[in-house]
Amino acid sequence: MTIAVTADIVGSRQLVNRDHAQAQIEAVIRRVAEDVPGVARPLEPVVGDELQGEFETLSRALASILLIRLGLPDGIDLRFGVGSGESFGVESARGVLPEGPAWWAAREAIERVHALEQRAVPRARTWLVAHNDSTGTVPVTNAYLLARDEIVGAMSERARRLTYGRCLDVSQRELAEREGITQSAVSQLLAAAGASSIVEGFRSLRATEN
């Protein structure tokens, strides 16, 4: 079973400095790959504003996607299509190309995100499609992702940074020192942003790996 992820840059054509944005995206992806080990193939650019990667488990994929969104600065965001299913390689002059139901599902998922954004859920950024959902957990997962995206999408850049730190169990005192603000200000920012639910969700995802 493969967890395939296809991502693209939100509003890439409107970015003032596309090269700089790409460099920032790739730097955040590298950082997250270190903070959430077990990535089969980290997200990497494939064509245009699109990236693709593979994860060993769904929980690692969803945890990584969350940290990527929290780590990106204002003005840069990604949407993600997550596909679960079988995967196989296709030989080409450029090497082995990933193909199969997992990737078809990931493409369907990112198209679903686009549709949601354009209608009633403008902050939707992540969706899961499973080639075979024998457990029936996909609707529940997508309900979680919609709620998570809504909260993260409303956060300020500082609130996202602080939430990232709390996901990795960095103390509020240390976060305050990094930001040059008081611990009380950190606590208030996190509470106002709804960070506790995001952090607990992240920890639940990581707990499934133990």
Protein backbone atom coordinates (compact mmCIF):
# COMPACT_ATOMS: atom_id res chain seq x y z
CA MET A 1 0.00 0.00 0.00
CA THR A 2 1.34 3.41 -0.98
CA ILE A 3 0.36 6.82 0.33
CA ALA A 4 0.90 9.13 -2.62
CA VAL A 5 0.75 12.90 -2.26
CA THR A 6 0.38 15.43 -5.03
CA ALA A 7 0.69 19.09 -4.09
CA ASP A 8 0.50 22.35 -5.96
CA ILE A 9 1.11 25.98 -5.07
CA VAL A 10 -1.94 28.08 -4.32
CA GLY A 11 -2.03 31.11 -6.61
CA SER A 12 1.39 30.40 -8.08
CA ARG A 13 0.86 32.74 -11.02
CA GLN A 14 0.22 35.66 -8.67
CA LEU A 15 3.45 35.22 -6.70
CA VAL A 16 5.74 38.23 -7.10
CA ASN A 17 8.94 36.21 -6.78
CA ARG A 18 8.25 32.64 -7.91
CA ASP A 19 11.89 31.54 -7.52
CA HIS A 20 12.04 32.74 -3.93
CA ALA A 21 8.72 31.08 -3.12
CA GLN A 22 9.93 27.77 -4.55
CA ALA A 23 13.10 27.95 -2.46
CA GLN A 24 11.08 28.62 0.69
CA ILE A 25 8.71 25.74 -0.03
CA GLU A 26 11.56 23.31 -0.58
CA ALA A 27 13.34 24.49 2.60
CA VAL A 28 10.20 23.86 4.67
CA ILE A 29 9.75 20.42 3.09
CA ARG A 30 13.33 19.49 4.01
CA ARG A 31 12.79 20.65 7.57
CA VAL A 32 9.57 18.67 7.93
CA ALA A 33 11.22 15.54 6.51
CA GLU A 34 13.66 15.74 9.44
CA ASP A 35 10.97 16.43 12.02
CA VAL A 36 8.69 13.61 10.79
CA PRO A 37 10.99 10.72 9.84
CA GLY A 38 9.78 7.80 7.76
CA VAL A 39 9.06 9.56 4.49
CA ALA A 40 9.41 7.09 1.63
CA ARG A 41 10.06 9.84 -0.90
CA PRO A 42 9.92 13.49 0.21
CA LEU A 43 7.84 15.92 -1.79
CA GLU A 44 9.81 17.22 -4.74
CA PRO A 45 9.00 19.37 -7.78
CA VAL A 46 7.90 17.46 -10.87
CA VAL A 47 6.56 20.05 -13.31
CA GLY A 48 5.36 23.64 -13.10
CA ASP A 49 4.02 24.36 -9.63
CA GLU A 50 3.39 20.71 -8.77
CA LEU A 51 5.18 18.45 -6.28
CA GLN A 52 4.89 14.74 -5.58
CA GLY A 53 6.01 12.46 -2.77
CA GLU A 54 5.32 9.15 -1.04
CA PHE A 55 4.84 8.31 2.63
CA GLU A 56 5.05 5.03 4.49
CA THR A 57 1.80 5.57 6.37
CA LEU A 58 -1.24 7.84 6.14
CA SER A 59 -0.61 9.26 9.60
CA ARG A 60 2.92 10.34 8.61
CA ALA A 61 1.60 11.91 5.44
CA LEU A 62 -1.05 13.90 7.30
CA ALA A 63 1.38 14.92 10.06
CA SER A 64 3.92 16.08 7.47
CA ILE A 65 1.34 18.03 5.49
CA LEU A 66 0.25 19.82 8.65
CA LEU A 67 3.80 20.88 9.53
CA ILE A 68 4.47 22.02 5.97
CA ARG A 69 1.43 24.31 6.09
CA LEU A 70 2.42 25.60 9.54
CA GLY A 71 5.99 26.21 8.38
CA LEU A 72 5.20 28.24 5.28
CA PRO A 73 5.26 32.05 5.49
CA ASP A 74 2.34 34.32 4.73
CA GLY A 75 1.62 34.58 1.03
CA ILE A 76 2.73 31.01 0.23
CA ASP A 77 0.49 27.99 0.59
CA LEU A 78 0.07 24.52 -0.86
CA ARG A 79 -2.94 22.32 -1.50
CA PHE A 80 -2.59 18.56 -1.17
CA GLY A 81 -4.22 15.54 -2.75
CA VAL A 82 -3.57 12.36 -0.77
CA GLY A 83 -4.09 8.99 -2.44
CA SER A 84 -4.06 5.54 -0.90
CA GLY A 85 -3.62 2.42 -3.01
CA GLU A 86 -1.17 0.37 -4.96
CA SER A 87 1.70 1.96 -6.86
CA PHE A 88 4.09 0.73 -9.52
CA GLY A 89 6.90 2.19 -11.57
CA VAL A 90 6.88 2.88 -15.29
CA GLU A 91 10.26 2.78 -17.04
CA SER A 92 11.13 5.85 -19.10
CA ALA A 93 14.16 7.67 -20.45
CA ARG A 94 13.96 9.88 -17.36
CA GLY A 95 13.99 6.93 -14.97
CA VAL A 96 11.18 5.13 -13.17
CA LEU A 97 7.96 7.14 -13.08
CA PRO A 98 5.44 6.51 -10.26
CA GLU A 99 2.06 5.31 -11.49
CA GLY A 100 -0.93 3.30 -10.32
CA PRO A 101 -4.14 3.60 -8.27
CA ALA A 102 -2.50 5.54 -5.42
CA TRP A 103 -1.45 8.29 -7.83
CA TRP A 104 -4.76 8.30 -9.64
CA ALA A 105 -6.44 8.72 -6.24
CA ALA A 106 -4.08 11.58 -5.32
CA ARG A 107 -4.98 13.36 -8.56
CA GLU A 108 -8.68 12.91 -7.87
CA ALA A 109 -8.15 14.23 -4.34
CA ILE A 110 -6.41 17.44 -5.41
CA GLU A 111 -9.11 18.09 -7.98
CA ARG A 112 -11.62 17.75 -5.14
CA VAL A 113 -9.70 20.34 -3.12
CA HIS A 114 -9.83 22.75 -6.06
CA ALA A 115 -13.59 22.26 -6.30
CA LEU A 116 -14.10 22.83 -2.58
CA GLU A 117 -12.03 26.03 -2.65
CA GLN A 118 -14.09 27.45 -5.47
CA ARG A 119 -17.38 26.77 -3.72
CA ALA A 120 -18.25 26.77 -0.03
CA VAL A 121 -14.88 25.92 1.59
CA PRO A 122 -12.26 28.47 0.46
CA ARG A 123 -9.77 27.39 3.12
CA ALA A 124 -9.82 23.71 2.12
CA ARG A 125 -6.30 22.56 1.32
CA THR A 126 -6.20 18.78 1.88
CA TRP A 127 -8.28 15.80 0.77
CA LEU A 128 -7.92 12.03 0.87
CA VAL A 129 -9.10 9.51 -1.71
CA ALA A 130 -8.52 5.78 -1.18
CA HIS A 131 -8.53 3.35 -4.07
CA ASN A 132 -10.13 0.77 -1.78
CA ASP A 133 -11.59 2.11 1.48
CA SER A 134 -12.32 -1.21 3.16
CA THR A 135 -12.28 0.36 6.65
CA GLY A 136 -14.63 3.23 5.84
CA THR A 137 -12.33 5.76 7.51
CA VAL A 138 -11.92 8.11 4.54
CA PRO A 139 -15.02 10.27 5.27
CA VAL A 140 -13.94 10.65 8.90
CA THR A 141 -10.42 11.59 7.85
CA ASN A 142 -11.69 14.19 5.40
CA ALA A 143 -13.97 15.67 8.07
CA TYR A 144 -10.89 16.10 10.28
CA LEU A 145 -8.90 17.62 7.42
CA LEU A 146 -11.60 20.17 6.60
CA ALA A 147 -11.74 21.33 10.22
CA ARG A 148 -7.94 21.39 10.48
CA ASP A 149 -7.55 23.40 7.29
CA GLU A 150 -10.11 25.94 8.46
CA ILE A 151 -8.21 26.57 11.69
CA VAL A 152 -4.75 26.68 10.10
CA GLY A 153 -6.00 28.88 7.27
CA ALA A 154 -7.17 31.50 9.74
CA MET A 155 -3.87 31.61 11.66
CA SER A 156 -1.31 34.40 11.44
CA GLU A 157 2.23 33.52 10.42
CA ARG A 158 3.42 33.85 14.02
CA ALA A 159 0.60 31.65 15.30
CA ARG A 160 1.58 29.00 12.75
CA ARG A 161 5.21 29.15 13.86
CA LEU A 162 4.21 28.79 17.50
CA THR A 163 1.86 25.91 16.71
CA TYR A 164 4.63 24.15 14.78
CA GLY A 165 6.84 24.43 17.83
CA ARG A 166 4.17 23.10 20.17
CA CYS A 167 3.56 20.14 17.85
CA LEU A 168 7.21 19.24 18.44
CA ASP A 169 6.85 19.78 22.21
CA VAL A 170 8.89 23.00 22.30
CA SER A 171 7.98 24.75 25.54
CA GLN A 172 6.10 28.01 25.55
CA ARG A 173 9.04 29.60 27.37
CA GLU A 174 11.46 28.64 24.60
CA LEU A 175 9.02 29.79 21.92
CA ALA A 176 8.69 33.12 23.71
CA GLU A 177 12.47 33.55 23.69
CA ARG A 178 12.63 32.75 19.97
CA GLU A 179 9.90 35.27 19.18
CA GLY A 180 11.12 37.96 21.55
CA ILE A 181 7.79 38.10 23.38
CA THR A 182 6.51 37.04 26.78
CA GLN A 183 5.35 33.53 27.62
CA SER A 184 1.95 35.01 28.43
CA ALA A 185 1.76 36.46 24.91
CA VAL A 186 2.60 33.04 23.44
CA SER A 187 -0.14 31.41 25.50
CA GLN A 188 -2.68 34.02 24.45
CA LEU A 189 -1.74 33.77 20.76
CA LEU A 190 -2.04 29.98 20.79
CA ALA A 191 -5.37 30.07 22.58
CA ALA A 192 -6.83 32.70 20.27
CA ALA A 193 -5.70 30.75 17.19
CA GLY A 194 -7.23 27.45 18.33
CA ALA A 195 -3.80 25.84 18.31
CA SER A 196 -4.51 23.30 21.04
CA SER A 197 -6.82 21.26 18.80
CA ILE A 198 -4.23 21.29 16.01
CA VAL A 199 -1.47 20.19 18.39
CA GLU A 200 -3.58 17.41 19.91
CA GLY A 201 -4.52 16.21 16.44
CA PHE A 202 -0.86 16.11 15.46
CA ARG A 203 0.04 14.15 18.57
CA SER A 204 -2.76 11.68 17.87
CA LEU A 205 -1.37 11.11 14.38
CA ARG A 206 2.11 10.51 15.76
CA ALA A 207 0.79 8.22 18.49
CA THR A 208 -0.52 5.80 15.87
CA GLU A 209 3.11 5.15 14.87
CA ASN A 210 4.08 3.90 18.33
